[in-house]
Structure formats: C-alpha cells, structure tokens
Amino acid sequence: MSGIPVLLIAEAGSAGDAAEAAILLAGTRLLRRIGWSAVAETLPMLATWPVLVIEAGGVATATLEAGLPRIAAYLARAAVPAVVSFDEQQIDLVALHLLDVQAVMLCAPDAAQRVAALAAASATQVPQLHDSWREEGDRERLERLDQQVAHIADLLADLTRRESPVPRTIADRRRSYDGEPPATGGQAIAAHEVRRLIQLRNLRGKFFGQFIGEGLFEDPAWDMLLDLFAAELEGTRVSVSSLCIAAGVAPTTALRWIAKMTEMELFVRQPDPLDRRRAFMALSPRASEAMRGYMLAMRKVEAG
C-alpha cells in the first residue's frame, strides 16, 4: 500500500471508525490501530516515524492523563505531525499536554475537518529510518514542518468558520496569587476600561449579525488579548477552555490561535496548582506591557 503511514490511537467505537475513514479519504495509509492502553509499549517500539492520529473523545480522564504525556514526549522527540480530536470538555486536559508540540487540535470535528487535517499532515514526507534525518537535513525538515502546520491552520480556518462558538457558560476563572501589576508610567489601567472595550466589540455582532452574520467581526487574537489583559488586572486566571470562549470562534479555531500566539511569546502557560488536568493562560510580560501602552495611547486619542 502507498501513502504516508498513520498510527491511529483510538478506542473501539464510532470515533475510531470515523478516523479510519478519514485516513483512507486523505490518501494516507493506516499502519496500525492501537487502544490507549497500548500507548506506553507501542510508541518506543516504532520502526518508522508515522503521522499520529489521536482520538480522545469519550476516553476516560485517567486514561488520558496516563497516555497524553507519553504521546507528547514521542512527538517532541520524533517531530512528526499529529492530529488529535477530542470533546469540548477535554479542551483543558488535551491542551495541557499537546499545546507545545504543535499537534493540530480538532474539537468535535466533522468528517471534512478530519480529512483536511490529515491531508495537510501527509503533505510532509515523513522519514522511514530513525537516523536518516538527524544530520544535515534537520533544518530543512523543520522548515517543511513549519510550512505544513501553517497549511493545516489555513485549511482548518476555512472549514471551521461556519461552526458555532462554544456558549459562554464556562465559569472556571480563579483568583490569581499575584498582586496587582505595576502601572505604566505611573498611570494605572482599570479592568473595567478593558471590559468596556470588550462589551463594545460584542455589540457589533448584536446589531449587524442579522444582516451579514457575526463572522465578519471575528478577531480571535485581539479578543483573547483583551480578555487576558482584563483578567490580569482583575487578578484572575484564565483556563484554556475559558479563553476559547473569549475568542468568540469555534474551539478548533481558537486553539489554533492560542498555539500560534504562545509560539509568538504573546501568551504563556501557567500550571494550575489545584488541578493538574489543566493549565492557565496569561499574557507574557512583553504582551502585557504592550497592552498597557495601547490603553494609555487610546486614552490620549479619546481625550482629543
């Protein structure tokens, strides 16, 4: 059989069957399908470097907690593409382990999203021998992987634009242990100023959505920057799932932006000291300072 080899990690059931169908439609080749209980023994024994397709939907939390760190370690070592699918309630746990390894994260995907992600992943030639890429070709190979991730992001953005955002019902923010951040230039920024700006942005969809749809005003990067800055000023912490809600777009799209902005060092992850199954997101010091500068400049413009 031809096609890039794929290792499928999935329990028995419809999700795994859907992944198998997507593997076929994407022109890739199913190398092997294993259950989550076989992750620990299988990954170290792989003789090739296949694309990983990971189905977490419906899998018990304890099982994911045991398997995801091993998958993350494998992906960091092998630097191969991965596509992971999961349910909305699993966002925080999956992001905790796989956000840093640039796995394409699909929240409750449909068939088209699965195929698009796999087709993009297979566009990169995956070496078949452990030592064939470890010398002079590393840089070129990493560049191809970066291009592949960008291509996947573009495909998923198109496919998820018509998805409905997650309802704004998750209340998982916690008080921060840090003190109030220092003011820039002696001028304090109040959280209510930022929340007012967020409220004004949300009003656009209310009045124009009836004509052209709310998608016209989607700007997840800016919406998340505002939300994290407001939370910083309020002394609260924001989980990944809560930040997805603030982005106002489909979870898959929001996660792609979170990964991108973390890579750009605008966002940083902070472990949750009370719940090891998730992490909090926060602005980096440089991003926080930039937001303060923006708010102060906006004050001057408004003052005339």
C-alpha atoms as a PDB file:
ATOM      1  CA  MET A   1       0.000   0.000   0.000  1.00  0.00           C
ATOM      2  CA  SER A   2       1.149   3.546  -0.739  1.00  0.00           C
ATOM      3  CA  GLY A   3       0.670   6.716   1.258  1.00  0.00           C
ATOM      4  CA  ILE A   4       2.184   8.216   4.366  1.00  0.00           C
ATOM      5  CA  PRO A   5       1.845   5.738   7.271  1.00  0.00           C
ATOM      6  CA  VAL A   6      -0.512   6.668  10.092  1.00  0.00           C
ATOM      7  CA  LEU A   7      -0.646   5.282  13.616  1.00  0.00           C
ATOM      8  CA  LEU A   8      -4.171   5.581  14.987  1.00  0.00           C
ATOM      9  CA  ILE A   9      -4.664   5.731  18.741  1.00  0.00           C
ATOM     10  CA  ALA A  10      -8.346   5.126  19.432  1.00  0.00           C
ATOM     11  CA  GLU A  11     -10.649   3.010  21.492  1.00  0.00           C
ATOM     12  CA  ALA A  12     -13.215   0.769  19.821  1.00  0.00           C
ATOM     13  CA  GLY A  13     -16.210   2.765  18.639  1.00  0.00           C
ATOM     14  CA  SER A  14     -17.506   5.299  16.171  1.00  0.00           C
ATOM     15  CA  ALA A  15     -14.790   7.913  16.742  1.00  0.00           C
ATOM     16  CA  GLY A  16     -12.045   5.484  15.810  1.00  0.00           C
ATOM     17  CA  ASP A  17     -14.040   4.261  12.823  1.00  0.00           C
ATOM     18  CA  ALA A  18     -14.510   7.846  11.653  1.00  0.00           C
ATOM     19  CA  ALA A  19     -10.765   8.404  11.943  1.00  0.00           C
ATOM     20  CA  GLU A  20     -10.070   5.272   9.876  1.00  0.00           C
ATOM     21  CA  ALA A  21     -12.397   6.528   7.156  1.00  0.00           C
ATOM     22  CA  ALA A  22     -10.656   9.917   7.151  1.00  0.00           C
ATOM     23  CA  ILE A  23      -7.245   8.225   6.864  1.00  0.00           C
ATOM     24  CA  LEU A  24      -8.413   6.459   3.715  1.00  0.00           C
ATOM     25  CA  LEU A  25     -10.013   9.568   2.188  1.00  0.00           C
ATOM     26  CA  ALA A  26      -6.906  11.667   2.872  1.00  0.00           C
ATOM     27  CA  GLY A  27      -4.744   9.296   0.847  1.00  0.00           C
ATOM     28  CA  THR A  28      -2.761   8.134   3.863  1.00  0.00           C
ATOM     29  CA  ARG A  29      -2.164   4.553   4.966  1.00  0.00           C
ATOM     30  CA  LEU A  30      -3.236   3.033   8.259  1.00  0.00           C
ATOM     31  CA  LEU A  31      -0.083   1.477   9.656  1.00  0.00           C
ATOM     32  CA  ARG A  32      -1.689   0.268  12.854  1.00  0.00           C
ATOM     33  CA  ARG A  33      -4.566   0.968  15.211  1.00  0.00           C
ATOM     34  CA  ILE A  34      -3.984   0.647  18.941  1.00  0.00           C
ATOM     35  CA  GLY A  35      -6.005   1.335  22.065  1.00  0.00           C
ATOM     36  CA  TRP A  36      -4.904   3.830  24.675  1.00  0.00           C
ATOM     37  CA  SER A  37      -3.698   1.035  26.953  1.00  0.00           C
ATOM     38  CA  ALA A  38      -1.055   0.123  24.363  1.00  0.00           C
ATOM     39  CA  VAL A  39       0.437   3.637  24.011  1.00  0.00           C
ATOM     40  CA  ALA A  40       3.235   3.131  26.549  1.00  0.00           C
ATOM     41  CA  GLU A  41       4.576  -0.050  24.963  1.00  0.00           C
ATOM     42  CA  THR A  42       3.956   0.812  21.310  1.00  0.00           C
ATOM     43  CA  LEU A  43       5.474   4.274  20.803  1.00  0.00           C
ATOM     44  CA  PRO A  44       9.051   3.352  21.839  1.00  0.00           C
ATOM     45  CA  MET A  45       8.983   0.327  19.516  1.00  0.00           C
ATOM     46  CA  LEU A  46       8.008   2.108  16.289  1.00  0.00           C
ATOM     47  CA  ALA A  47      10.395   1.343  13.444  1.00  0.00           C
ATOM     48  CA  THR A  48       9.069   4.210  11.332  1.00  0.00           C
ATOM     49  CA  TRP A  49       8.019   7.770  12.118  1.00  0.00           C
ATOM     50  CA  PRO A  50       4.325   7.772  11.226  1.00  0.00           C
ATOM     51  CA  VAL A  51       1.815  10.564  11.452  1.00  0.00           C
ATOM     52  CA  LEU A  52      -0.148  10.178  14.684  1.00  0.00           C
ATOM     53  CA  VAL A  53      -3.934  10.384  14.683  1.00  0.00           C
ATOM     54  CA  ILE A  54      -5.234  10.544  18.245  1.00  0.00           C
ATOM     55  CA  GLU A  55      -8.870  10.083  19.199  1.00  0.00           C
ATOM     56  CA  ALA A  56      -9.504  11.280  22.763  1.00  0.00           C
ATOM     57  CA  GLY A  57     -13.261  11.784  22.578  1.00  0.00           C
ATOM     58  CA  GLY A  58     -15.105   9.682  25.137  1.00  0.00           C
ATOM     59  CA  VAL A  59     -11.900   8.323  26.679  1.00  0.00           C
ATOM     60  CA  ALA A  60     -11.740   8.308  30.488  1.00  0.00           C
ATOM     61  CA  THR A  61      -9.817  11.160  32.103  1.00  0.00           C
ATOM     62  CA  ALA A  62      -7.480   8.809  33.976  1.00  0.00           C
ATOM     63  CA  THR A  63      -6.607   7.054  30.724  1.00  0.00           C
ATOM     64  CA  LEU A  64      -5.804  10.354  29.022  1.00  0.00           C
ATOM     65  CA  GLU A  65      -3.727  11.510  31.973  1.00  0.00           C
ATOM     66  CA  ALA A  66      -1.596   8.394  31.610  1.00  0.00           C
ATOM     67  CA  GLY A  67      -1.310   8.402  27.824  1.00  0.00           C
ATOM     68  CA  LEU A  68      -1.055  12.059  26.800  1.00  0.00           C
ATOM     69  CA  PRO A  69       2.340  12.746  28.446  1.00  0.00           C
ATOM     70  CA  ARG A  70       3.819   9.751  26.601  1.00  0.00           C
ATOM     71  CA  ILE A  71       2.371  10.950  23.323  1.00  0.00           C
ATOM     72  CA  ALA A  72       3.720  14.457  23.942  1.00  0.00           C
ATOM     73  CA  ALA A  73       7.187  13.061  24.658  1.00  0.00           C
ATOM     74  CA  TYR A  74       7.113  10.991  21.473  1.00  0.00           C
ATOM     75  CA  LEU A  75       6.038  13.955  19.348  1.00  0.00           C
ATOM     76  CA  ALA A  76       8.710  16.191  20.863  1.00  0.00           C
ATOM     77  CA  ARG A  77      11.363  13.562  20.128  1.00  0.00           C
ATOM     78  CA  ALA A  78      10.225  12.495  16.657  1.00  0.00           C
ATOM     79  CA  ALA A  79       8.960  15.901  15.448  1.00  0.00           C
ATOM     80  CA  VAL A  80       6.269  14.273  13.295  1.00  0.00           C
ATOM     81  CA  PRO A  81       2.813  15.652  12.506  1.00  0.00           C
ATOM     82  CA  ALA A  82      -0.097  14.745  14.759  1.00  0.00           C
ATOM     83  CA  VAL A  83      -3.843  15.287  14.603  1.00  0.00           C
ATOM     84  CA  VAL A  84      -5.802  14.971  17.839  1.00  0.00           C
ATOM     85  CA  SER A  85      -9.597  15.003  18.163  1.00  0.00           C
ATOM     86  CA  PHE A  86     -11.458  15.458  21.438  1.00  0.00           C
ATOM     87  CA  ASP A  87     -14.679  16.611  23.096  1.00  0.00           C
ATOM     88  CA  GLU A  88     -15.324  20.140  24.349  1.00  0.00           C
ATOM     89  CA  GLN A  89     -14.986  19.131  27.990  1.00  0.00           C
ATOM     90  CA  GLN A  90     -11.496  17.743  27.253  1.00  0.00           C
ATOM     91  CA  ILE A  91     -10.032  21.002  25.923  1.00  0.00           C
ATOM     92  CA  ASP A  92      -8.030  21.856  29.024  1.00  0.00           C
ATOM     93  CA  LEU A  93      -6.572  18.386  29.523  1.00  0.00           C
ATOM     94  CA  VAL A  94      -5.529  17.936  25.892  1.00  0.00           C
ATOM     95  CA  ALA A  95      -4.111  21.454  25.625  1.00  0.00           C
ATOM     96  CA  LEU A  96      -2.132  20.957  28.831  1.00  0.00           C
ATOM     97  CA  HIS A  97      -0.084  18.197  27.203  1.00  0.00           C
ATOM     98  CA  LEU A  98      -0.155  18.851  23.470  1.00  0.00           C
ATOM     99  CA  LEU A  99      -0.251  22.619  23.029  1.00  0.00           C
ATOM    100  CA  ASP A 100       3.546  22.877  22.936  1.00  0.00           C
ATOM    101  CA  VAL A 101       4.146  20.110  20.394  1.00  0.00           C
ATOM    102  CA  GLN A 102       2.116  21.804  17.662  1.00  0.00           C
ATOM    103  CA  ALA A 103      -0.338  18.978  17.263  1.00  0.00           C
ATOM    104  CA  VAL A 104      -3.358  20.007  15.223  1.00  0.00           C
ATOM    105  CA  MET A 105      -6.216  20.035  17.716  1.00  0.00           C
ATOM    106  CA  LEU A 106      -9.746  19.371  16.477  1.00  0.00           C
ATOM    107  CA  CYS A 107     -12.614  19.906  18.876  1.00  0.00           C
ATOM    108  CA  ALA A 108     -15.643  17.735  17.993  1.00  0.00           C
ATOM    109  CA  PRO A 109     -14.598  17.614  14.309  1.00  0.00           C
ATOM    110  CA  ASP A 110     -16.717  16.596  11.372  1.00  0.00           C
ATOM    111  CA  ALA A 111     -15.531  14.359   8.541  1.00  0.00           C
ATOM    112  CA  ALA A 112     -14.298  17.250   6.395  1.00  0.00           C
ATOM    113  CA  GLN A 113     -12.123  18.626   9.179  1.00  0.00           C
ATOM    114  CA  ARG A 114     -10.565  15.236   9.833  1.00  0.00           C
ATOM    115  CA  VAL A 115      -9.725  14.705   6.175  1.00  0.00           C
ATOM    116  CA  ALA A 116      -8.348  18.233   5.705  1.00  0.00           C
ATOM    117  CA  ALA A 117      -6.046  17.931   8.717  1.00  0.00           C
ATOM    118  CA  LEU A 118      -4.786  14.512   7.645  1.00  0.00           C
ATOM    119  CA  ALA A 119      -4.272  15.560   4.041  1.00  0.00           C
ATOM    120  CA  ALA A 120      -2.181  18.516   5.155  1.00  0.00           C
ATOM    121  CA  ALA A 121      -0.202  16.366   7.581  1.00  0.00           C
ATOM    122  CA  SER A 122       0.586  13.832   4.875  1.00  0.00           C
ATOM    123  CA  ALA A 123       1.956  16.587   2.622  1.00  0.00           C
ATOM    124  CA  THR A 124       5.211  16.375   4.569  1.00  0.00           C
ATOM    125  CA  GLN A 125       7.396  13.425   3.718  1.00  0.00           C
ATOM    126  CA  VAL A 126       7.974  11.507   6.917  1.00  0.00           C
ATOM    127  CA  PRO A 127      11.366   9.741   7.030  1.00  0.00           C
ATOM    128  CA  GLN A 128      11.263   5.962   7.398  1.00  0.00           C
ATOM    129  CA  LEU A 129      14.585   5.425   9.176  1.00  0.00           C
ATOM    130  CA  HIS A 130      15.491   6.686  12.636  1.00  0.00           C
ATOM    131  CA  ASP A 131      18.852   8.115  11.580  1.00  0.00           C
ATOM    132  CA  SER A 132      18.058   9.294   8.067  1.00  0.00           C
ATOM    133  CA  TRP A 133      17.184  12.835   9.081  1.00  0.00           C
ATOM    134  CA  ARG A 134      19.265  13.506  12.160  1.00  0.00           C
ATOM    135  CA  GLU A 135      22.231  15.170  10.473  1.00  0.00           C
ATOM    136  CA  GLU A 136      22.411  17.853   7.778  1.00  0.00           C
ATOM    137  CA  GLY A 137      18.726  17.746   6.818  1.00  0.00           C
ATOM    138  CA  ASP A 138      17.325  18.766  10.212  1.00  0.00           C
ATOM    139  CA  ARG A 139      16.891  22.442   9.414  1.00  0.00           C
ATOM    140  CA  GLU A 140      15.208  21.858   6.067  1.00  0.00           C
ATOM    141  CA  ARG A 141      12.946  19.251   7.602  1.00  0.00           C
ATOM    142  CA  LEU A 142      11.861  21.555  10.402  1.00  0.00           C
ATOM    143  CA  GLU A 143      11.150  24.296   7.891  1.00  0.00           C
ATOM    144  CA  ARG A 144       8.894  21.920   5.963  1.00  0.00           C
ATOM    145  CA  LEU A 145       7.099  21.038   9.190  1.00  0.00           C
ATOM    146  CA  ASP A 146       6.521  24.737   9.923  1.00  0.00           C
ATOM    147  CA  GLN A 147       5.061  25.212   6.450  1.00  0.00           C
ATOM    148  CA  GLN A 148       2.869  22.160   6.940  1.00  0.00           C
ATOM    149  CA  VAL A 149       1.469  23.472  10.237  1.00  0.00           C
ATOM    150  CA  ALA A 150       0.655  26.782   8.586  1.00  0.00           C
ATOM    151  CA  HIS A 151      -1.082  24.958   5.740  1.00  0.00           C
ATOM    152  CA  ILE A 152      -3.140  22.930   8.185  1.00  0.00           C
ATOM    153  CA  ALA A 153      -4.090  26.107  10.020  1.00  0.00           C
ATOM    154  CA  ASP A 154      -5.357  27.720   6.817  1.00  0.00           C
ATOM    155  CA  LEU A 155      -7.413  24.661   5.899  1.00  0.00           C
ATOM    156  CA  LEU A 156      -8.976  24.386   9.325  1.00  0.00           C
ATOM    157  CA  ALA A 157      -9.743  28.100   9.447  1.00  0.00           C
ATOM    158  CA  ASP A 158     -11.795  27.761   6.274  1.00  0.00           C
ATOM    159  CA  LEU A 159     -13.557  24.628   7.471  1.00  0.00           C
ATOM    160  CA  THR A 160     -14.442  25.899  10.927  1.00  0.00           C
ATOM    161  CA  ARG A 161     -15.576  29.413  10.037  1.00  0.00           C
ATOM    162  CA  ARG A 162     -19.216  28.324   9.954  1.00  0.00           C
ATOM    163  CA  GLU A 163     -19.053  26.489  13.265  1.00  0.00           C
ATOM    164  CA  SER A 164     -20.896  27.964  16.210  1.00  0.00           C
ATOM    165  CA  PRO A 165     -18.654  29.236  19.007  1.00  0.00           C
ATOM    166  CA  VAL A 166     -18.790  27.495  22.370  1.00  0.00           C
ATOM    167  CA  PRO A 167     -21.560  29.032  24.508  1.00  0.00           C
ATOM    168  CA  ARG A 168     -20.244  31.453  27.072  1.00  0.00           C
ATOM    169  CA  THR A 169     -21.232  29.322  30.031  1.00  0.00           C
ATOM    170  CA  ILE A 170     -17.967  28.022  31.472  1.00  0.00           C
ATOM    171  CA  ALA A 171     -17.093  29.726  34.744  1.00  0.00           C
ATOM    172  CA  ASP A 172     -13.645  28.477  35.656  1.00  0.00           C
ATOM    173  CA  ARG A 173     -11.673  31.600  36.404  1.00  0.00           C
ATOM    174  CA  ARG A 174      -9.758  31.692  39.635  1.00  0.00           C
ATOM    175  CA  ARG A 175      -8.257  34.427  41.687  1.00  0.00           C
ATOM    176  CA  SER A 176      -4.595  34.918  40.974  1.00  0.00           C
ATOM    177  CA  TYR A 177      -1.949  34.615  43.657  1.00  0.00           C
ATOM    178  CA  ASP A 178      -0.088  37.568  42.197  1.00  0.00           C
ATOM    179  CA  GLY A 179      -0.518  41.155  43.283  1.00  0.00           C
ATOM    180  CA  GLU A 180      -1.758  43.989  41.123  1.00  0.00           C
ATOM    181  CA  PRO A 181       0.586  44.569  38.170  1.00  0.00           C
ATOM    182  CA  PRO A 182       2.600  47.787  38.186  1.00  0.00           C
ATOM    183  CA  ALA A 183       1.203  50.725  36.279  1.00  0.00           C
ATOM    184  CA  THR A 184       2.988  52.012  33.174  1.00  0.00           C
ATOM    185  CA  GLY A 185       4.485  55.430  33.617  1.00  0.00           C
ATOM    186  CA  GLY A 186       2.610  55.961  36.867  1.00  0.00           C
ATOM    187  CA  GLN A 187      -0.760  55.714  35.126  1.00  0.00           C
ATOM    188  CA  ALA A 188      -2.985  52.838  36.200  1.00  0.00           C
ATOM    189  CA  ILE A 189      -5.228  50.939  33.824  1.00  0.00           C
ATOM    190  CA  ALA A 190      -8.514  49.738  35.322  1.00  0.00           C
ATOM    191  CA  ALA A 191     -10.039  46.385  34.433  1.00  0.00           C
ATOM    192  CA  HIS A 192     -13.430  47.983  33.757  1.00  0.00           C
ATOM    193  CA  GLU A 193     -11.868  50.009  30.936  1.00  0.00           C
ATOM    194  CA  VAL A 194     -10.846  46.810  29.160  1.00  0.00           C
ATOM    195  CA  ARG A 195     -14.164  45.083  29.881  1.00  0.00           C
ATOM    196  CA  ARG A 196     -15.975  48.087  28.421  1.00  0.00           C
ATOM    197  CA  LEU A 197     -13.924  47.754  25.255  1.00  0.00           C
ATOM    198  CA  ILE A 198     -14.830  44.048  25.061  1.00  0.00           C
ATOM    199  CA  GLN A 199     -18.510  44.895  25.558  1.00  0.00           C
ATOM    200  CA  LEU A 200     -18.424  47.452  22.777  1.00  0.00           C
ATOM    201  CA  ARG A 201     -16.836  44.912  20.444  1.00  0.00           C
ATOM    202  CA  ASN A 202     -19.557  42.375  21.244  1.00  0.00           C
ATOM    203  CA  LEU A 203     -22.272  44.902  20.406  1.00  0.00           C
ATOM    204  CA  ARG A 204     -21.274  44.852  16.742  1.00  0.00           C
ATOM    205  CA  GLY A 205     -22.474  41.285  16.275  1.00  0.00           C
ATOM    206  CA  LYS A 206     -25.727  42.080  18.057  1.00  0.00           C
ATOM    207  CA  PHE A 207     -26.677  44.811  15.599  1.00  0.00           C
ATOM    208  CA  PHE A 208     -25.065  43.624  12.378  1.00  0.00           C
ATOM    209  CA  GLY A 209     -25.309  39.851  12.752  1.00  0.00           C
ATOM    210  CA  GLN A 210     -28.894  39.879  11.479  1.00  0.00           C
ATOM    211  CA  PHE A 211     -27.667  41.189   8.116  1.00  0.00           C
ATOM    212  CA  ILE A 212     -24.288  39.630   7.444  1.00  0.00           C
ATOM    213  CA  GLY A 213     -23.518  37.143  10.193  1.00  0.00           C
ATOM    214  CA  GLU A 214     -21.206  37.586  13.122  1.00  0.00           C
ATOM    215  CA  GLY A 215     -18.250  36.098  11.234  1.00  0.00           C
ATOM    216  CA  LEU A 216     -17.471  39.496   9.712  1.00  0.00           C
ATOM    217  CA  PHE A 217     -16.190  40.747  13.058  1.00  0.00           C
ATOM    218  CA  GLU A 218     -14.195  37.696  14.115  1.00  0.00           C
ATOM    219  CA  ASP A 219     -10.818  38.707  15.503  1.00  0.00           C
ATOM    220  CA  PRO A 220      -9.875  35.944  17.980  1.00  0.00           C
ATOM    221  CA  ALA A 221      -6.310  37.121  18.538  1.00  0.00           C
ATOM    222  CA  TRP A 222      -7.389  40.572  19.694  1.00  0.00           C
ATOM    223  CA  ASP A 223     -10.357  39.279  21.679  1.00  0.00           C
ATOM    224  CA  MET A 224      -8.089  36.917  23.614  1.00  0.00           C
ATOM    225  CA  LEU A 225      -5.506  39.625  24.237  1.00  0.00           C
ATOM    226  CA  LEU A 226      -8.218  41.838  25.697  1.00  0.00           C
ATOM    227  CA  ASP A 227      -9.655  39.056  27.815  1.00  0.00           C
ATOM    228  CA  LEU A 228      -6.297  38.049  29.278  1.00  0.00           C
ATOM    229  CA  PHE A 229      -5.386  41.662  29.979  1.00  0.00           C
ATOM    230  CA  ALA A 230      -8.675  42.256  31.790  1.00  0.00           C
ATOM    231  CA  ALA A 231      -8.155  39.079  33.816  1.00  0.00           C
ATOM    232  CA  GLU A 232      -4.638  40.176  34.717  1.00  0.00           C
ATOM    233  CA  LEU A 233      -5.957  43.493  36.021  1.00  0.00           C
ATOM    234  CA  GLU A 234      -8.716  41.704  37.957  1.00  0.00           C
ATOM    235  CA  GLY A 235      -6.251  39.258  39.491  1.00  0.00           C
ATOM    236  CA  THR A 236      -7.956  36.216  37.975  1.00  0.00           C
ATOM    237  CA  ARG A 237      -6.594  33.287  35.983  1.00  0.00           C
ATOM    238  CA  VAL A 238      -8.000  32.005  32.717  1.00  0.00           C
ATOM    239  CA  SER A 239      -8.071  28.366  31.632  1.00  0.00           C
ATOM    240  CA  VAL A 240      -7.636  27.309  28.004  1.00  0.00           C
ATOM    241  CA  SER A 241     -11.318  26.424  27.673  1.00  0.00           C
ATOM    242  CA  SER A 242     -12.374  29.787  29.068  1.00  0.00           C
ATOM    243  CA  LEU A 243     -10.022  31.577  26.681  1.00  0.00           C
ATOM    244  CA  CYS A 244     -11.584  29.668  23.788  1.00  0.00           C
ATOM    245  CA  ILE A 245     -14.933  31.127  24.813  1.00  0.00           C
ATOM    246  CA  ALA A 246     -13.489  34.637  24.934  1.00  0.00           C
ATOM    247  CA  ALA A 247     -12.167  34.208  21.381  1.00  0.00           C
ATOM    248  CA  GLY A 248     -15.745  34.058  20.093  1.00  0.00           C
ATOM    249  CA  VAL A 249     -14.953  31.483  17.412  1.00  0.00           C
ATOM    250  CA  ALA A 250     -15.145  27.713  17.102  1.00  0.00           C
ATOM    251  CA  PRO A 251     -12.942  25.868  19.631  1.00  0.00           C
ATOM    252  CA  THR A 252     -10.728  24.375  16.912  1.00  0.00           C
ATOM    253  CA  THR A 253     -10.018  27.843  15.530  1.00  0.00           C
ATOM    254  CA  ALA A 254      -9.435  29.295  18.998  1.00  0.00           C
ATOM    255  CA  LEU A 255      -6.964  26.550  19.891  1.00  0.00           C
ATOM    256  CA  ARG A 256      -5.046  27.162  16.695  1.00  0.00           C
ATOM    257  CA  TRP A 257      -4.712  30.834  17.616  1.00  0.00           C
ATOM    258  CA  ILE A 258      -3.712  30.027  21.191  1.00  0.00           C
ATOM    259  CA  ALA A 259      -0.941  27.747  19.930  1.00  0.00           C
ATOM    260  CA  LYS A 260       0.215  30.367  17.444  1.00  0.00           C
ATOM    261  CA  MET A 261       0.266  33.201  19.977  1.00  0.00           C
ATOM    262  CA  THR A 262       2.040  31.037  22.532  1.00  0.00           C
ATOM    263  CA  GLU A 263       4.691  30.287  19.912  1.00  0.00           C
ATOM    264  CA  MET A 264       4.974  34.042  19.258  1.00  0.00           C
ATOM    265  CA  GLU A 265       5.539  34.540  23.017  1.00  0.00           C
ATOM    266  CA  LEU A 266       2.434  36.661  23.441  1.00  0.00           C
ATOM    267  CA  PHE A 267       0.830  34.057  25.703  1.00  0.00           C
ATOM    268  CA  VAL A 268       2.407  31.936  28.422  1.00  0.00           C
ATOM    269  CA  ARG A 269       1.101  28.843  30.158  1.00  0.00           C
ATOM    270  CA  GLN A 270       0.968  28.575  33.927  1.00  0.00           C
ATOM    271  CA  PRO A 271       0.236  25.298  35.736  1.00  0.00           C
ATOM    272  CA  ASP A 272      -2.928  25.094  37.800  1.00  0.00           C
ATOM    273  CA  PRO A 273      -1.725  24.330  41.339  1.00  0.00           C
ATOM    274  CA  LEU A 274      -5.116  22.867  42.271  1.00  0.00           C
ATOM    275  CA  ASP A 275      -5.884  20.801  39.170  1.00  0.00           C
ATOM    276  CA  ARG A 276      -3.129  19.007  37.271  1.00  0.00           C
ATOM    277  CA  ARG A 277      -5.502  18.331  34.384  1.00  0.00           C
ATOM    278  CA  ARG A 278      -5.305  21.880  33.073  1.00  0.00           C
ATOM    279  CA  ALA A 279      -3.187  24.994  32.857  1.00  0.00           C
ATOM    280  CA  PHE A 280      -3.938  28.683  32.883  1.00  0.00           C
ATOM    281  CA  MET A 281      -3.110  31.100  30.086  1.00  0.00           C
ATOM    282  CA  ALA A 282      -1.699  34.553  30.703  1.00  0.00           C
ATOM    283  CA  LEU A 283      -0.095  37.401  28.820  1.00  0.00           C
ATOM    284  CA  SER A 284       3.669  37.385  28.605  1.00  0.00           C
ATOM    285  CA  PRO A 285       5.344  40.388  30.280  1.00  0.00           C
ATOM    286  CA  ARG A 286       6.041  41.979  26.891  1.00  0.00           C
ATOM    287  CA  ALA A 287       2.459  41.471  25.711  1.00  0.00           C
ATOM    288  CA  SER A 288       1.132  42.897  28.968  1.00  0.00           C
ATOM    289  CA  GLU A 289       3.314  45.973  28.601  1.00  0.00           C
ATOM    290  CA  ALA A 290       2.169  46.403  25.002  1.00  0.00           C
ATOM    291  CA  MET A 291      -1.480  46.239  26.092  1.00  0.00           C
ATOM    292  CA  ARG A 292      -0.853  48.891  28.734  1.00  0.00           C
ATOM    293  CA  GLY A 293       0.796  51.100  26.155  1.00  0.00           C
ATOM    294  CA  TYR A 294      -2.156  50.644  23.825  1.00  0.00           C
ATOM    295  CA  MET A 295      -4.698  51.521  26.515  1.00  0.00           C
ATOM    296  CA  LEU A 296      -2.790  54.643  27.509  1.00  0.00           C
ATOM    297  CA  ALA A 297      -2.477  55.732  23.874  1.00  0.00           C
ATOM    298  CA  MET A 298      -6.206  55.162  23.392  1.00  0.00           C
ATOM    299  CA  ARG A 299      -6.904  57.417  26.379  1.00  0.00           C
ATOM    300  CA  LYS A 300      -4.952  60.221  24.727  1.00  0.00           C
ATOM    301  CA  VAL A 301      -6.844  59.798  21.472  1.00  0.00           C
ATOM    302  CA  GLU A 302     -10.203  59.869  23.261  1.00  0.00           C
ATOM    303  CA  ALA A 303      -9.155  62.957  25.219  1.00  0.00           C
ATOM    304  CA  GLY A 304      -8.505  64.755  21.945  1.00  0.00           C
END
